[in-house]
Structure formats: C-alpha cells, structure tokens
Amino acid sequence: MKGLLLKDVYTFVKQGRYMFFIELLFLGIYLFAGGSYAVVANPFFIFSILLPMSLTTLLNVTEENERWLRYACSLPYTRKQFVTARYLTSGCAAVLFAGIAAAAHAIRSAVDGGFSPLESAEVFLFLLCASLVANLLFLPLLYRFGTEKARLLLLGFAVLFGILIGTLSVAERSAIPNSVVKIAALPVVLLLWVGSWALSVRIYRKREL
C-alpha cells in the first residue's frame, strides 16, 4: 500500500506541480489583494475544494495513458488495494488543501483584527466536507467509465455539486450555529465516503483491464 501511495505522490510531483502553483497564486491573491470571506464567493476557496478532484483525475489519466493498469496486475497488490490507495490519496489531498485554505483564512482574519479559531475551524470543516463529496461522487464514475467518458458526465456532476454548495450556503445563514451544521455533516460525509469506496471496489473488480 505504501508503494502505491508513493507512486501517486511522485506522479503528482512530476506532472501536477502546476496545480499547486495555481493554488499558491490564488492564495497570494486572497492574502494580499483581499476578496470575500464567504467560501462560496471566493475563487481561492472554490479551487481548494476542486483541486483534490483534479488531482484524482490527473492520476487516473496518467495511469490510462501509460497503460499502468495492465502492468499493475503483475504486482503483489489486489484491485481493492489499488482503489483504497486512490481514495487515501484523494482524502489526504482534501485534508491538506482544506487545511491550507483554513490557515489562510486564519492569517487574514488575524491581520484584519477579527481572528476566531472557531470560525477558521468551521471553514476547514466546510471545505473538507465539500471536497470529500466531490471526490466520492466522481471516483465511482472514473472506475466505471474511465476518464474520457467520466469527463462527459462532469456536467451533471457540476449541477449536483452546485446544489450541494447552495445547500451548505443556506445552512450557513440558518439559525443553527455553523459549527453544529458542519460537525454534524462530517460523519455523514465520511459514511458516504466509505460507501463510495465500497462501490468503486466492486466496480473495479468487475472491470476488464
């Protein structure tokens, strides 16, 4: 399993560095040029949500182009382990970029004199949940249809994702405290994440390579 995770890291370092540079660009704009604090209205936060899904897509595209899936059959790994490694990679990426965005929010809030640890934690939970939902919806499509056909389904996915963001945005304005909404959402998202993983494992086991 460690070898599969390292392969994903090396692939991202070699072919996906530009994504991290774009994240740094948006980070610089957010810190030094201002912008809305609202998650759903700031490109930096939105990109932080979508970046783990873009990373997952990049890894799958690279594997398909280099015919990695056929060679991988000779390695001492099961298909379940391949899927598990990809889910771990995307999950770690979601935690990483949500953490970077939450840290940026905390720094800017402190500079503006309105720092609140609870608010920064809420930003982290919001971004993490949204990013995990994006991946748990998209990964089964990648394993079922491959990257080319899955891209064609992104339109429907974008609609679902927009509904999700809109729902969370409405929840933020409700009378329920934000922390309660986000903390309650996290276990639900994690449960859906496990369900998505199980579905992807089942799909990948039946897939002809």
N, C-alpha and C. Protein backbone atom coordinates (compact mmCIF):
# COMPACT_ATOMS: atom_id res chain seq x y z
N MET A 1 0.83 -1.21 0.00
CA MET A 1 0.00 0.00 0.00
C MET A 1 0.87 1.27 0.00
N LYS A 2 1.96 1.21 0.78
CA LYS A 2 2.86 2.37 0.84
C LYS A 2 3.43 2.69 -0.53
N GLY A 3 3.77 1.63 -1.29
CA GLY A 3 4.31 1.85 -2.63
C GLY A 3 3.31 2.52 -3.55
N LEU A 4 2.03 2.17 -3.46
CA LEU A 4 1.01 2.78 -4.29
C LEU A 4 0.83 4.26 -3.95
N LEU A 5 0.88 4.57 -2.66
CA LEU A 5 0.75 5.97 -2.24
C LEU A 5 1.94 6.79 -2.70
N LEU A 6 3.15 6.21 -2.60
CA LEU A 6 4.35 6.93 -3.06
C LEU A 6 4.29 7.16 -4.57
N LYS A 7 3.75 6.17 -5.31
CA LYS A 7 3.61 6.34 -6.77
C LYS A 7 2.73 7.53 -7.09
N ASP A 8 1.63 7.68 -6.36
CA ASP A 8 0.73 8.81 -6.58
C ASP A 8 1.43 10.13 -6.28
N VAL A 9 2.21 10.15 -5.21
CA VAL A 9 2.94 11.38 -4.84
C VAL A 9 3.95 11.73 -5.92
N TYR A 10 4.72 10.75 -6.40
CA TYR A 10 5.72 11.00 -7.43
C TYR A 10 5.07 11.47 -8.73
N THR A 11 3.95 10.87 -9.07
CA THR A 11 3.24 11.27 -10.30
C THR A 11 2.77 12.71 -10.20
N PHE A 12 2.23 13.08 -9.03
CA PHE A 12 1.76 14.45 -8.86
C PHE A 12 2.91 15.43 -8.91
N VAL A 13 4.03 15.09 -8.27
CA VAL A 13 5.20 15.98 -8.27
C VAL A 13 5.72 16.18 -9.69
N LYS A 14 5.68 15.11 -10.49
CA LYS A 14 6.22 15.18 -11.85
C LYS A 14 5.28 15.87 -12.82
N GLN A 15 3.98 15.59 -12.75
CA GLN A 15 3.06 16.06 -13.77
C GLN A 15 1.99 17.03 -13.27
N GLY A 16 1.84 17.16 -11.95
CA GLY A 16 0.77 18.01 -11.45
C GLY A 16 1.24 19.20 -10.63
N ARG A 17 2.52 19.54 -10.78
CA ARG A 17 3.05 20.66 -9.99
C ARG A 17 2.32 21.96 -10.27
N TYR A 18 1.87 22.13 -11.50
CA TYR A 18 1.22 23.38 -11.87
C TYR A 18 -0.04 23.62 -11.04
N MET A 19 -0.71 22.54 -10.62
CA MET A 19 -1.91 22.71 -9.79
C MET A 19 -1.56 23.38 -8.46
N PHE A 20 -0.44 22.96 -7.89
CA PHE A 20 -0.03 23.54 -6.63
C PHE A 20 0.37 24.99 -6.81
N PHE A 21 1.00 25.32 -7.94
CA PHE A 21 1.37 26.71 -8.22
C PHE A 21 0.13 27.59 -8.38
N ILE A 22 -0.90 27.04 -9.02
CA ILE A 22 -2.15 27.79 -9.15
C ILE A 22 -2.78 28.04 -7.79
N GLU A 23 -2.71 27.02 -6.93
CA GLU A 23 -3.21 27.18 -5.56
C GLU A 23 -2.44 28.30 -4.83
N LEU A 24 -1.13 28.33 -5.00
CA LEU A 24 -0.32 29.39 -4.38
C LEU A 24 -0.68 30.76 -4.95
N LEU A 25 -0.98 30.81 -6.26
CA LEU A 25 -1.38 32.07 -6.88
C LEU A 25 -2.67 32.59 -6.27
N PHE A 26 -3.67 31.72 -6.18
CA PHE A 26 -4.93 32.11 -5.56
C PHE A 26 -4.73 32.48 -4.10
N LEU A 27 -3.83 31.77 -3.43
CA LEU A 27 -3.54 32.06 -2.02
C LEU A 27 -2.97 33.47 -1.87
N GLY A 28 -2.02 33.81 -2.76
CA GLY A 28 -1.43 35.15 -2.71
C GLY A 28 -2.46 36.24 -2.98
N ILE A 29 -3.33 35.99 -3.95
CA ILE A 29 -4.37 36.97 -4.25
C ILE A 29 -5.29 37.15 -3.06
N TYR A 30 -5.65 36.03 -2.42
CA TYR A 30 -6.55 36.09 -1.28
C TYR A 30 -5.93 36.85 -0.10
N LEU A 31 -4.64 36.61 0.14
CA LEU A 31 -3.98 37.22 1.30
C LEU A 31 -3.65 38.70 1.08
N PHE A 32 -3.24 39.04 -0.14
CA PHE A 32 -2.71 40.38 -0.36
C PHE A 32 -3.63 41.30 -1.17
N ALA A 33 -4.58 40.71 -1.91
CA ALA A 33 -5.47 41.54 -2.72
C ALA A 33 -6.89 41.58 -2.18
N GLY A 34 -7.13 40.87 -1.08
CA GLY A 34 -8.45 40.90 -0.49
C GLY A 34 -9.40 39.93 -1.17
N GLY A 35 -10.67 40.18 -1.02
CA GLY A 35 -11.69 39.29 -1.56
C GLY A 35 -12.66 38.89 -0.47
N SER A 36 -13.73 38.25 -0.88
CA SER A 36 -14.77 37.90 0.07
C SER A 36 -14.31 36.81 1.03
N TYR A 37 -14.79 36.89 2.27
CA TYR A 37 -14.54 35.84 3.25
C TYR A 37 -15.46 34.64 3.00
N ALA A 38 -16.55 34.86 2.28
CA ALA A 38 -17.51 33.79 2.04
C ALA A 38 -16.90 32.70 1.18
N VAL A 39 -17.03 31.47 1.62
CA VAL A 39 -16.42 30.35 0.91
C VAL A 39 -16.96 30.21 -0.50
N VAL A 40 -18.29 30.33 -0.64
CA VAL A 40 -18.92 30.09 -1.95
C VAL A 40 -18.71 31.24 -2.92
N ALA A 41 -18.11 32.34 -2.47
CA ALA A 41 -17.94 33.51 -3.33
C ALA A 41 -16.48 33.83 -3.61
N ASN A 42 -15.55 32.99 -3.14
CA ASN A 42 -14.14 33.27 -3.31
C ASN A 42 -13.47 32.19 -4.15
N PRO A 43 -12.80 32.57 -5.26
CA PRO A 43 -12.16 31.58 -6.13
C PRO A 43 -11.12 30.73 -5.41
N PHE A 44 -10.43 31.31 -4.43
CA PHE A 44 -9.41 30.55 -3.70
C PHE A 44 -10.02 29.36 -2.96
N PHE A 45 -11.14 29.59 -2.29
CA PHE A 45 -11.79 28.51 -1.57
C PHE A 45 -12.39 27.48 -2.52
N ILE A 46 -12.99 27.96 -3.61
CA ILE A 46 -13.59 27.04 -4.58
C ILE A 46 -12.52 26.16 -5.21
N PHE A 47 -11.38 26.76 -5.57
CA PHE A 47 -10.29 25.98 -6.15
C PHE A 47 -9.74 24.96 -5.15
N SER A 48 -9.71 25.34 -3.87
CA SER A 48 -9.25 24.41 -2.84
C SER A 48 -10.17 23.21 -2.72
N ILE A 49 -11.46 23.41 -3.01
CA ILE A 49 -12.41 22.30 -3.00
C ILE A 49 -12.21 21.39 -4.20
N LEU A 50 -11.98 21.99 -5.37
CA LEU A 50 -11.92 21.22 -6.61
C LEU A 50 -10.54 20.62 -6.87
N LEU A 51 -9.50 21.14 -6.23
CA LEU A 51 -8.14 20.68 -6.51
C LEU A 51 -7.94 19.19 -6.23
N PRO A 52 -8.42 18.63 -5.11
CA PRO A 52 -8.24 17.18 -4.90
C PRO A 52 -8.91 16.34 -5.99
N MET A 53 -10.07 16.78 -6.50
CA MET A 53 -10.72 16.05 -7.57
C MET A 53 -9.90 16.15 -8.86
N SER A 54 -9.31 17.32 -9.11
CA SER A 54 -8.45 17.48 -10.28
C SER A 54 -7.22 16.60 -10.17
N LEU A 55 -6.68 16.50 -8.96
CA LEU A 55 -5.52 15.63 -8.73
C LEU A 55 -5.89 14.17 -9.01
N THR A 56 -7.05 13.74 -8.52
CA THR A 56 -7.51 12.37 -8.76
C THR A 56 -7.65 12.09 -10.25
N THR A 57 -8.23 13.05 -10.97
CA THR A 57 -8.41 12.89 -12.41
C THR A 57 -7.06 12.79 -13.11
N LEU A 58 -6.10 13.64 -12.71
CA LEU A 58 -4.77 13.60 -13.30
C LEU A 58 -4.11 12.24 -13.11
N LEU A 59 -4.20 11.70 -11.92
CA LEU A 59 -3.59 10.40 -11.65
C LEU A 59 -4.22 9.30 -12.50
N ASN A 60 -5.54 9.32 -12.64
CA ASN A 60 -6.22 8.30 -13.45
C ASN A 60 -5.89 8.44 -14.92
N VAL A 61 -5.83 9.69 -15.41
CA VAL A 61 -5.48 9.92 -16.81
C VAL A 61 -4.06 9.42 -17.09
N THR A 62 -3.14 9.72 -16.20
CA THR A 62 -1.75 9.28 -16.37
C THR A 62 -1.66 7.77 -16.41
N GLU A 63 -2.38 7.11 -15.52
CA GLU A 63 -2.35 5.64 -15.49
C GLU A 63 -2.91 5.04 -16.77
N GLU A 64 -3.99 5.62 -17.28
CA GLU A 64 -4.58 5.08 -18.50
C GLU A 64 -3.68 5.34 -19.71
N ASN A 65 -3.07 6.52 -19.79
CA ASN A 65 -2.20 6.84 -20.92
C ASN A 65 -0.95 5.97 -20.94
N GLU A 66 -0.45 5.64 -19.77
CA GLU A 66 0.78 4.84 -19.67
C GLU A 66 0.49 3.35 -19.50
N ARG A 67 -0.79 2.97 -19.64
CA ARG A 67 -1.22 1.57 -19.53
C ARG A 67 -0.75 0.94 -18.22
N TRP A 68 -0.78 1.74 -17.18
CA TRP A 68 -0.35 1.27 -15.86
C TRP A 68 -1.23 0.13 -15.36
N LEU A 69 -2.53 0.19 -15.66
CA LEU A 69 -3.46 -0.78 -15.10
C LEU A 69 -3.13 -2.21 -15.53
N ARG A 70 -2.61 -2.38 -16.76
CA ARG A 70 -2.26 -3.72 -17.22
C ARG A 70 -0.99 -4.22 -16.55
N TYR A 71 -0.01 -3.33 -16.43
CA TYR A 71 1.23 -3.73 -15.77
C TYR A 71 1.01 -3.97 -14.28
N ALA A 72 0.06 -3.25 -13.69
CA ALA A 72 -0.16 -3.36 -12.26
C ALA A 72 -0.64 -4.76 -11.85
N CYS A 73 -1.22 -5.49 -12.80
CA CYS A 73 -1.71 -6.82 -12.48
C CYS A 73 -0.59 -7.77 -12.07
N SER A 74 0.65 -7.44 -12.46
CA SER A 74 1.78 -8.30 -12.11
C SER A 74 2.36 -7.97 -10.74
N LEU A 75 1.86 -6.92 -10.12
CA LEU A 75 2.36 -6.50 -8.81
C LEU A 75 1.60 -7.23 -7.70
N PRO A 76 2.23 -7.35 -6.54
CA PRO A 76 1.57 -8.07 -5.42
C PRO A 76 0.53 -7.22 -4.70
N TYR A 77 -0.39 -6.66 -5.47
CA TYR A 77 -1.48 -5.86 -4.90
C TYR A 77 -2.80 -6.35 -5.47
N THR A 78 -3.84 -6.24 -4.70
CA THR A 78 -5.19 -6.58 -5.17
C THR A 78 -5.86 -5.33 -5.73
N ARG A 79 -6.93 -5.54 -6.46
CA ARG A 79 -7.66 -4.39 -7.00
C ARG A 79 -8.25 -3.55 -5.88
N LYS A 80 -8.63 -4.19 -4.80
CA LYS A 80 -9.14 -3.46 -3.65
C LYS A 80 -8.09 -2.52 -3.09
N GLN A 81 -6.84 -2.94 -3.09
CA GLN A 81 -5.76 -2.09 -2.59
C GLN A 81 -5.50 -0.91 -3.52
N PHE A 82 -5.63 -1.14 -4.83
CA PHE A 82 -5.47 -0.03 -5.78
C PHE A 82 -6.52 1.05 -5.53
N VAL A 83 -7.76 0.63 -5.36
CA VAL A 83 -8.84 1.58 -5.11
C VAL A 83 -8.64 2.28 -3.76
N THR A 84 -8.27 1.50 -2.75
CA THR A 84 -8.07 2.07 -1.42
C THR A 84 -6.97 3.12 -1.43
N ALA A 85 -5.89 2.85 -2.14
CA ALA A 85 -4.79 3.81 -2.23
C ALA A 85 -5.25 5.11 -2.88
N ARG A 86 -6.06 5.01 -3.93
CA ARG A 86 -6.54 6.21 -4.61
C ARG A 86 -7.47 7.02 -3.71
N TYR A 87 -8.30 6.34 -2.96
CA TYR A 87 -9.18 7.04 -2.02
C TYR A 87 -8.37 7.70 -0.91
N LEU A 88 -7.33 7.02 -0.44
CA LEU A 88 -6.49 7.62 0.59
C LEU A 88 -5.76 8.85 0.05
N THR A 89 -5.28 8.75 -1.19
CA THR A 89 -4.59 9.89 -1.80
C THR A 89 -5.52 11.09 -1.93
N SER A 90 -6.72 10.87 -2.44
CA SER A 90 -7.65 11.98 -2.63
C SER A 90 -8.12 12.52 -1.28
N GLY A 91 -8.30 11.63 -0.30
CA GLY A 91 -8.71 12.08 1.03
C GLY A 91 -7.64 12.91 1.70
N CYS A 92 -6.38 12.48 1.60
CA CYS A 92 -5.28 13.26 2.17
C CYS A 92 -5.15 14.61 1.47
N ALA A 93 -5.37 14.63 0.15
CA ALA A 93 -5.31 15.90 -0.58
C ALA A 93 -6.42 16.84 -0.11
N ALA A 94 -7.60 16.29 0.14
CA ALA A 94 -8.71 17.11 0.64
C ALA A 94 -8.37 17.72 1.99
N VAL A 95 -7.79 16.93 2.88
CA VAL A 95 -7.38 17.44 4.19
C VAL A 95 -6.30 18.51 4.05
N LEU A 96 -5.32 18.24 3.18
CA LEU A 96 -4.20 19.17 3.01
C LEU A 96 -4.66 20.53 2.51
N PHE A 97 -5.44 20.55 1.43
CA PHE A 97 -5.80 21.83 0.83
C PHE A 97 -6.89 22.55 1.63
N ALA A 98 -7.73 21.79 2.31
CA ALA A 98 -8.68 22.43 3.24
C ALA A 98 -7.92 23.07 4.39
N GLY A 99 -6.86 22.41 4.84
CA GLY A 99 -6.04 22.96 5.91
C GLY A 99 -5.31 24.22 5.49
N ILE A 100 -4.77 24.21 4.26
CA ILE A 100 -4.09 25.40 3.75
C ILE A 100 -5.06 26.58 3.66
N ALA A 101 -6.26 26.31 3.14
CA ALA A 101 -7.25 27.38 2.99
C ALA A 101 -7.70 27.90 4.35
N ALA A 102 -7.89 27.00 5.32
CA ALA A 102 -8.30 27.43 6.66
C ALA A 102 -7.21 28.24 7.33
N ALA A 103 -5.95 27.84 7.11
CA ALA A 103 -4.83 28.60 7.67
C ALA A 103 -4.76 29.99 7.06
N ALA A 104 -5.00 30.08 5.74
CA ALA A 104 -5.01 31.38 5.08
C ALA A 104 -6.12 32.26 5.62
N HIS A 105 -7.28 31.65 5.85
CA HIS A 105 -8.40 32.39 6.43
C HIS A 105 -8.04 32.91 7.82
N ALA A 106 -7.36 32.08 8.61
CA ALA A 106 -6.96 32.48 9.96
C ALA A 106 -5.96 33.63 9.91
N ILE A 107 -4.99 33.55 9.00
CA ILE A 107 -3.97 34.61 8.88
C ILE A 107 -4.60 35.93 8.47
N ARG A 108 -5.46 35.88 7.47
CA ARG A 108 -6.09 37.12 7.02
C ARG A 108 -7.02 37.70 8.08
N SER A 109 -7.73 36.84 8.78
CA SER A 109 -8.60 37.31 9.85
C SER A 109 -7.79 37.97 10.97
N ALA A 110 -6.63 37.38 11.28
CA ALA A 110 -5.78 37.96 12.32
C ALA A 110 -5.24 39.31 11.91
N VAL A 111 -4.86 39.43 10.64
CA VAL A 111 -4.36 40.71 10.14
C VAL A 111 -5.45 41.78 10.19
N ASP A 112 -6.68 41.38 9.89
CA ASP A 112 -7.80 42.32 9.91
C ASP A 112 -8.34 42.55 11.32
N GLY A 113 -7.78 41.85 12.31
CA GLY A 113 -8.20 42.05 13.70
C GLY A 113 -9.46 41.33 14.09
N GLY A 114 -9.84 40.30 13.32
CA GLY A 114 -11.07 39.59 13.65
C GLY A 114 -10.89 38.09 13.72
N PHE A 115 -9.71 37.65 14.19
CA PHE A 115 -9.40 36.23 14.21
C PHE A 115 -10.30 35.47 15.18
N SER A 116 -10.82 34.34 14.70
CA SER A 116 -11.65 33.48 15.53
C SER A 116 -11.29 32.02 15.23
N PRO A 117 -10.69 31.31 16.20
CA PRO A 117 -10.35 29.90 15.96
C PRO A 117 -11.55 29.06 15.54
N LEU A 118 -12.71 29.34 16.14
CA LEU A 118 -13.91 28.58 15.79
C LEU A 118 -14.31 28.81 14.34
N GLU A 119 -14.23 30.05 13.89
CA GLU A 119 -14.59 30.36 12.51
C GLU A 119 -13.64 29.68 11.52
N SER A 120 -12.34 29.69 11.83
CA SER A 120 -11.37 29.03 10.96
C SER A 120 -11.60 27.52 10.94
N ALA A 121 -11.97 26.95 12.09
CA ALA A 121 -12.29 25.52 12.14
C ALA A 121 -13.52 25.21 11.29
N GLU A 122 -14.50 26.12 11.31
CA GLU A 122 -15.71 25.93 10.50
C GLU A 122 -15.37 25.97 9.01
N VAL A 123 -14.47 26.88 8.63
CA VAL A 123 -14.03 26.95 7.23
C VAL A 123 -13.37 25.64 6.82
N PHE A 124 -12.52 25.11 7.70
CA PHE A 124 -11.85 23.83 7.41
C PHE A 124 -12.87 22.71 7.22
N LEU A 125 -13.83 22.61 8.12
CA LEU A 125 -14.83 21.56 8.02
C LEU A 125 -15.67 21.69 6.76
N PHE A 126 -16.04 22.93 6.42
CA PHE A 126 -16.84 23.17 5.22
C PHE A 126 -16.08 22.70 3.98
N LEU A 127 -14.83 23.16 3.85
CA LEU A 127 -14.03 22.83 2.67
C LEU A 127 -13.75 21.34 2.60
N LEU A 128 -13.46 20.72 3.74
CA LEU A 128 -13.17 19.29 3.77
C LEU A 128 -14.39 18.49 3.33
N CYS A 129 -15.55 18.80 3.89
CA CYS A 129 -16.77 18.07 3.52
C CYS A 129 -17.10 18.24 2.05
N ALA A 130 -17.00 19.47 1.54
CA ALA A 130 -17.32 19.72 0.14
C ALA A 130 -16.35 18.99 -0.78
N SER A 131 -15.07 18.99 -0.44
CA SER A 131 -14.06 18.32 -1.27
C SER A 131 -14.25 16.81 -1.24
N LEU A 132 -14.55 16.25 -0.08
CA LEU A 132 -14.77 14.81 0.01
C LEU A 132 -16.00 14.40 -0.78
N VAL A 133 -17.05 15.21 -0.73
CA VAL A 133 -18.26 14.90 -1.50
C VAL A 133 -17.96 14.93 -3.00
N ALA A 134 -17.17 15.90 -3.43
CA ALA A 134 -16.80 15.98 -4.85
C ALA A 134 -16.11 14.70 -5.30
N ASN A 135 -15.19 14.21 -4.48
CA ASN A 135 -14.45 13.00 -4.84
C ASN A 135 -15.29 11.74 -4.73
N LEU A 136 -16.11 11.65 -3.70
CA LEU A 136 -16.88 10.41 -3.53
C LEU A 136 -17.94 10.25 -4.62
N LEU A 137 -18.36 11.37 -5.21
CA LEU A 137 -19.28 11.29 -6.35
C LEU A 137 -18.54 10.95 -7.64
N PHE A 138 -17.32 11.47 -7.77
CA PHE A 138 -16.61 11.36 -9.05
C PHE A 138 -15.82 10.06 -9.20
N LEU A 139 -15.25 9.55 -8.11
CA LEU A 139 -14.41 8.37 -8.21
C LEU A 139 -15.12 7.13 -8.77
N PRO A 140 -16.34 6.81 -8.32
CA PRO A 140 -17.02 5.65 -8.93
C PRO A 140 -17.23 5.83 -10.43
N LEU A 141 -17.46 7.06 -10.88
CA LEU A 141 -17.62 7.30 -12.31
C LEU A 141 -16.32 7.02 -13.06
N LEU A 142 -15.19 7.41 -12.45
CA LEU A 142 -13.90 7.15 -13.08
C LEU A 142 -13.64 5.65 -13.22
N TYR A 143 -13.98 4.90 -12.19
CA TYR A 143 -13.74 3.45 -12.25
C TYR A 143 -14.74 2.74 -13.15
N ARG A 144 -15.92 3.30 -13.29
CA ARG A 144 -16.95 2.65 -14.12
C ARG A 144 -16.77 2.97 -15.60
N PHE A 145 -16.49 4.22 -15.92
CA PHE A 145 -16.49 4.64 -17.32
C PHE A 145 -15.11 5.02 -17.85
N GLY A 146 -14.11 5.15 -16.99
CA GLY A 146 -12.82 5.64 -17.44
C GLY A 146 -12.83 7.16 -17.49
N THR A 147 -11.66 7.74 -17.64
CA THR A 147 -11.55 9.19 -17.55
C THR A 147 -12.25 9.93 -18.69
N GLU A 148 -12.20 9.38 -19.91
CA GLU A 148 -12.77 10.09 -21.04
C GLU A 148 -14.28 10.22 -20.91
N LYS A 149 -14.96 9.09 -20.66
CA LYS A 149 -16.42 9.14 -20.53
C LYS A 149 -16.84 9.85 -19.25
N ALA A 150 -16.03 9.71 -18.20
CA ALA A 150 -16.37 10.36 -16.93
C ALA A 150 -16.37 11.87 -17.08
N ARG A 151 -15.50 12.37 -17.94
CA ARG A 151 -15.47 13.82 -18.17
C ARG A 151 -16.78 14.31 -18.76
N LEU A 152 -17.38 13.48 -19.61
CA LEU A 152 -18.64 13.87 -20.22
C LEU A 152 -19.76 13.96 -19.18
N LEU A 153 -19.58 13.25 -18.07
CA LEU A 153 -20.58 13.27 -17.01
C LEU A 153 -20.35 14.39 -16.01
N LEU A 154 -19.29 15.18 -16.25
CA LEU A 154 -18.97 16.25 -15.30
C LEU A 154 -20.06 17.32 -15.26
N LEU A 155 -20.79 17.49 -16.37
CA LEU A 155 -21.85 18.50 -16.38
C LEU A 155 -22.91 18.17 -15.34
N GLY A 156 -23.36 16.92 -15.35
CA GLY A 156 -24.33 16.52 -14.33
C GLY A 156 -23.73 16.60 -12.94
N PHE A 157 -22.46 16.24 -12.83
CA PHE A 157 -21.79 16.34 -11.54
C PHE A 157 -21.73 17.79 -11.07
N ALA A 158 -21.45 18.71 -12.00
CA ALA A 158 -21.35 20.13 -11.63
C ALA A 158 -22.69 20.64 -11.09
N VAL A 159 -23.79 20.15 -11.68
CA VAL A 159 -25.11 20.55 -11.19
C VAL A 159 -25.32 20.05 -9.76
N LEU A 160 -24.98 18.78 -9.53
CA LEU A 160 -25.13 18.21 -8.18
C LEU A 160 -24.24 18.94 -7.19
N PHE A 161 -23.03 19.25 -7.61
CA PHE A 161 -22.10 19.94 -6.72
C PHE A 161 -22.60 21.35 -6.42
N GLY A 162 -23.17 22.01 -7.43
CA GLY A 162 -23.74 23.34 -7.20
C GLY A 162 -24.88 23.30 -6.21
N ILE A 163 -25.71 22.25 -6.30
CA ILE A 163 -26.81 22.09 -5.35
C ILE A 163 -26.25 21.90 -3.94
N LEU A 164 -25.19 21.11 -3.83
CA LEU A 164 -24.57 20.88 -2.54
C LEU A 164 -24.06 22.19 -1.93
N ILE A 165 -23.30 22.95 -2.72
CA ILE A 165 -22.74 24.21 -2.21
C ILE A 165 -23.86 25.17 -1.83
N GLY A 166 -24.92 25.22 -2.67
CA GLY A 166 -26.05 26.09 -2.34
C GLY A 166 -26.72 25.68 -1.05
N THR A 167 -26.87 24.36 -0.84
CA THR A 167 -27.49 23.87 0.39
C THR A 167 -26.66 24.23 1.61
N LEU A 168 -25.35 24.04 1.50
CA LEU A 168 -24.47 24.38 2.61
C LEU A 168 -24.46 25.88 2.86
N SER A 169 -24.56 26.67 1.78
CA SER A 169 -24.59 28.12 1.94
C SER A 169 -25.84 28.56 2.68
N VAL A 170 -26.98 27.94 2.33
CA VAL A 170 -28.23 28.25 3.04
C VAL A 170 -28.12 27.85 4.50
N ALA A 171 -27.49 26.70 4.74
CA ALA A 171 -27.33 26.24 6.12
C ALA A 171 -26.51 27.23 6.94
N GLU A 172 -25.55 27.88 6.29
CA GLU A 172 -24.71 28.84 7.00
C GLU A 172 -25.52 30.05 7.46
N ARG A 173 -26.59 30.37 6.74
CA ARG A 173 -27.39 31.54 7.10
C ARG A 173 -28.54 31.17 8.03
N SER A 174 -28.70 29.90 8.33
CA SER A 174 -29.82 29.47 9.15
C SER A 174 -29.58 29.82 10.61
N ALA A 175 -30.59 29.56 11.41
CA ALA A 175 -30.49 29.85 12.83
C ALA A 175 -29.61 28.84 13.56
N ILE A 176 -29.32 27.71 12.92
CA ILE A 176 -28.47 26.70 13.54
C ILE A 176 -27.03 27.18 13.50
N PRO A 177 -26.29 27.10 14.59
CA PRO A 177 -24.89 27.52 14.57
C PRO A 177 -24.08 26.80 13.51
N ASN A 178 -23.18 27.53 12.84
CA ASN A 178 -22.39 26.95 11.76
C ASN A 178 -21.61 25.72 12.22
N SER A 179 -21.03 25.80 13.41
CA SER A 179 -20.23 24.68 13.90
C SER A 179 -21.07 23.42 14.03
N VAL A 180 -22.32 23.56 14.47
CA VAL A 180 -23.20 22.40 14.61
C VAL A 180 -23.49 21.80 13.26
N VAL A 181 -23.76 22.64 12.26
CA VAL A 181 -24.07 22.16 10.91
C VAL A 181 -22.89 21.38 10.34
N LYS A 182 -21.69 21.93 10.46
CA LYS A 182 -20.52 21.31 9.84
C LYS A 182 -20.06 20.07 10.59
N ILE A 183 -20.10 20.12 11.91
CA ILE A 183 -19.71 18.95 12.68
C ILE A 183 -20.68 17.80 12.42
N ALA A 184 -21.96 18.10 12.31
CA ALA A 184 -22.96 17.07 12.03
C ALA A 184 -22.80 16.52 10.62
N ALA A 185 -22.33 17.37 9.69
CA ALA A 185 -22.18 16.93 8.31
C ALA A 185 -20.99 15.99 8.13
N LEU A 186 -19.95 16.16 8.94
CA LEU A 186 -18.72 15.39 8.74
C LEU A 186 -18.94 13.88 8.85
N PRO A 187 -19.58 13.35 9.91
CA PRO A 187 -19.78 11.90 9.95
C PRO A 187 -20.65 11.37 8.82
N VAL A 188 -21.61 12.18 8.37
CA VAL A 188 -22.44 11.77 7.24
C VAL A 188 -21.59 11.65 5.98
N VAL A 189 -20.73 12.64 5.76
CA VAL A 189 -19.85 12.63 4.58
C VAL A 189 -18.88 11.44 4.66
N LEU A 190 -18.34 11.17 5.83
CA LEU A 190 -17.42 10.04 5.99
C LEU A 190 -18.12 8.71 5.72
N LEU A 191 -19.38 8.61 6.13
CA LEU A 191 -20.15 7.40 5.86
C LEU A 191 -20.37 7.24 4.36
N LEU A 192 -20.70 8.34 3.68
CA LEU A 192 -20.86 8.29 2.23
C LEU A 192 -19.53 7.97 1.55
N TRP A 193 -18.43 8.44 2.12
CA TRP A 193 -17.10 8.18 1.58
C TRP A 193 -16.81 6.67 1.60
N VAL A 194 -17.14 6.02 2.71
CA VAL A 194 -16.95 4.58 2.82
C VAL A 194 -17.84 3.84 1.81
N GLY A 195 -19.08 4.31 1.66
CA GLY A 195 -19.97 3.70 0.67
C GLY A 195 -19.46 3.86 -0.74
N SER A 196 -18.92 5.03 -1.06
CA SER A 196 -18.36 5.28 -2.38
C SER A 196 -17.15 4.37 -2.63
N TRP A 197 -16.32 4.20 -1.61
CA TRP A 197 -15.15 3.32 -1.72
C TRP A 197 -15.59 1.88 -2.00
N ALA A 198 -16.60 1.40 -1.26
CA ALA A 198 -17.09 0.04 -1.47
C ALA A 198 -17.65 -0.14 -2.88
N LEU A 199 -18.36 0.88 -3.37
CA LEU A 199 -18.90 0.81 -4.72
C LEU A 199 -17.78 0.78 -5.76
N SER A 200 -16.76 1.60 -5.58
CA SER A 200 -15.64 1.64 -6.52
C SER A 200 -14.88 0.32 -6.52
N VAL A 201 -14.70 -0.28 -5.35
CA VAL A 201 -14.04 -1.59 -5.27
C VAL A 201 -14.82 -2.62 -6.06
N ARG A 202 -16.12 -2.63 -5.89
CA ARG A 202 -16.97 -3.59 -6.60
C ARG A 202 -16.90 -3.37 -8.10
N ILE A 203 -16.94 -2.11 -8.54
CA ILE A 203 -16.87 -1.80 -9.96
C ILE A 203 -15.53 -2.22 -10.55
N TYR A 204 -14.45 -1.90 -9.84
CA TYR A 204 -13.10 -2.14 -10.35
C TYR A 204 -12.78 -3.63 -10.42
N ARG A 205 -13.35 -4.42 -9.50
CA ARG A 205 -13.13 -5.86 -9.53
C ARG A 205 -13.73 -6.50 -10.78
N LYS A 206 -14.82 -5.92 -11.28
CA LYS A 206 -15.51 -6.48 -12.44
C LYS A 206 -15.01 -5.88 -13.76
N ARG A 207 -14.16 -4.88 -13.67
CA ARG A 207 -13.73 -4.16 -14.87
C ARG A 207 -12.65 -4.96 -15.61
N GLU A 208 -12.76 -5.01 -16.93
CA GLU A 208 -11.74 -5.65 -17.75
C GLU A 208 -10.65 -4.64 -18.04
N LEU A 209 -9.41 -5.02 -17.79
CA LEU A 209 -8.28 -4.13 -18.00
C LEU A 209 -7.62 -4.37 -19.34
